[in-house]
Amino acid sequence: MQRTATQTTTIQASPGPSDVRPYRERLLRIDDVCFMTGLGRSTIYAKVKAADFPGPVQLHGASVAWRETEVDAWIATRPAVGAVQPVPPAQPAKPGRAPRVPRPTRAAAMGAI
């Protein structure tokens, strides 16, 4: 009878793609970003320029896309509709000045109202 030696070795798993990132990052084109945010194209590009919206990543040439997680995070920072906004404190009137009285409109001045 012949005996063969068997070896057991412990294999340590190296971090694979599923260990590093359990999801796949989606890239959204401008039409998808417009649909998700409810904003128009020019508004999105204006907000990107003003640094009020996440910037796109360049795909190829003039083709760009936005990371879905960044767009979702931007949406999450928007205030809810009907949320109570803090009211800034009233500015005290300057001493010695009368409060400003609005001028009548042209129609009111002509007696139409």
Protein backbone atom coordinates (compact mmCIF):
# COMPACT_ATOMS: atom_id res chain seq x y z
CA MET A 1 0.00 0.00 0.00
CA GLN A 2 1.34 3.35 -1.01
CA ARG A 3 0.95 6.39 1.19
CA THR A 4 0.80 9.86 -0.15
CA ALA A 5 1.36 12.92 1.93
CA THR A 6 -1.35 15.49 1.87
CA GLN A 7 -0.83 19.05 2.94
CA THR A 8 -3.42 21.41 4.13
CA THR A 9 -2.75 25.08 3.73
CA THR A 10 -4.76 27.99 4.95
CA ILE A 11 -5.71 30.29 2.14
CA GLN A 12 -6.31 33.85 3.14
CA ALA A 13 -8.83 35.52 0.95
CA SER A 14 -7.60 38.71 -0.60
CA PRO A 15 -10.08 41.55 -0.85
CA GLY A 16 -11.95 41.14 -4.09
CA PRO A 17 -14.26 43.54 -5.85
CA SER A 18 -17.23 42.34 -3.82
CA ASP A 19 -15.36 42.96 -0.54
CA VAL A 20 -14.34 46.48 -1.41
CA ARG A 21 -17.65 47.66 -2.85
CA PRO A 22 -20.78 45.55 -2.40
CA TYR A 23 -22.69 47.59 -5.00
CA ARG A 24 -21.96 48.89 -8.43
CA GLU A 25 -21.77 52.66 -8.78
CA ARG A 26 -24.16 53.83 -11.48
CA LEU A 27 -23.36 56.74 -13.72
CA LEU A 28 -26.33 58.88 -14.72
CA ARG A 29 -26.55 60.90 -17.91
CA ILE A 30 -28.03 64.40 -17.88
CA ASP A 31 -31.58 63.27 -18.75
CA ASP A 32 -31.61 60.90 -15.76
CA VAL A 33 -30.27 63.63 -13.47
CA CYS A 34 -32.97 66.03 -14.71
CA PHE A 35 -35.62 63.39 -14.04
CA MET A 36 -34.33 62.60 -10.54
CA THR A 37 -33.96 66.21 -9.42
CA GLY A 38 -36.77 67.90 -11.32
CA LEU A 39 -34.30 70.53 -12.53
CA GLY A 40 -33.62 71.54 -16.11
CA ARG A 41 -30.36 71.05 -17.98
CA SER A 42 -29.24 74.65 -17.81
CA THR A 43 -30.10 74.85 -14.10
CA ILE A 44 -27.99 71.77 -13.35
CA TYR A 45 -25.00 73.11 -15.28
CA ALA A 46 -25.40 76.53 -13.60
CA LYS A 47 -25.46 74.86 -10.16
CA VAL A 48 -22.37 72.80 -11.06
CA LYS A 49 -20.58 76.00 -12.08
CA ALA A 50 -21.63 77.67 -8.80
CA ALA A 51 -20.50 74.56 -6.84
CA ASP A 52 -24.08 74.00 -5.59
CA PHE A 53 -24.42 70.59 -7.27
CA PRO A 54 -22.05 67.63 -7.65
CA GLY A 55 -19.81 67.84 -10.67
CA PRO A 56 -19.92 65.30 -13.47
CA VAL A 57 -17.22 62.82 -14.40
CA GLN A 58 -15.90 62.87 -17.94
CA LEU A 59 -16.56 59.67 -19.86
CA HIS A 60 -15.18 60.37 -23.30
CA GLY A 61 -14.75 63.57 -25.23
CA ALA A 62 -17.67 65.79 -24.31
CA SER A 63 -19.67 62.92 -22.72
CA VAL A 64 -20.20 63.33 -19.00
CA ALA A 65 -22.22 61.56 -16.32
CA TRP A 66 -22.99 61.99 -12.63
CA ARG A 67 -22.43 59.47 -9.85
CA GLU A 68 -25.82 58.31 -8.59
CA THR A 69 -24.72 58.33 -4.94
CA GLU A 70 -23.64 61.98 -5.19
CA VAL A 71 -26.94 63.01 -6.78
CA ASP A 72 -28.87 61.04 -4.11
CA ALA A 73 -26.85 62.74 -1.37
CA TRP A 74 -27.58 66.17 -2.88
CA ILE A 75 -31.31 65.36 -3.00
CA ALA A 76 -31.20 64.23 0.65
CA THR A 77 -29.83 67.64 1.70
CA ARG A 78 -32.78 69.51 0.19
CA PRO A 79 -35.35 70.75 2.74
CA ALA A 80 -38.74 69.06 2.76
CA VAL A 81 -41.72 70.93 1.33
CA GLY A 82 -43.56 72.75 4.07
CA ALA A 83 -40.64 72.46 6.45
CA VAL A 84 -40.44 75.35 8.88
CA GLN A 85 -37.57 77.57 7.87
CA PRO A 86 -35.90 79.57 10.64
CA VAL A 87 -36.98 83.20 10.54
CA PRO A 88 -34.10 85.64 10.78
CA PRO A 89 -34.41 88.12 13.65
CA ALA A 90 -35.90 91.48 12.71
CA GLN A 91 -33.39 94.23 12.21
CA PRO A 92 -33.93 97.17 14.54
CA ALA A 93 -34.68 100.44 12.79
CA LYS A 94 -31.84 102.90 12.65
CA PRO A 95 -32.29 105.66 15.19
CA GLY A 96 -33.57 108.92 13.80
CA ARG A 97 -35.04 107.42 10.62
CA ALA A 98 -38.69 106.96 9.88
CA PRO A 99 -39.76 103.53 8.66
CA ARG A 100 -39.96 103.21 4.88
CA VAL A 101 -43.47 103.52 3.49
CA PRO A 102 -44.05 101.79 0.13
CA ARG A 103 -45.02 104.06 -2.73
CA PRO A 104 -48.44 103.51 -4.29
CA THR A 105 -48.61 101.69 -7.58
CA ARG A 106 -49.33 103.56 -10.77
CA ALA A 107 -52.86 102.12 -10.99
CA ALA A 108 -53.62 103.15 -7.39
CA ALA A 109 -52.25 106.65 -8.04
CA MET A 110 -54.57 107.04 -11.05
CA GLY A 111 -57.59 105.94 -9.02
CA ALA A 112 -58.13 102.62 -10.80
CA ILE A 113 -58.18 100.65 -7.59
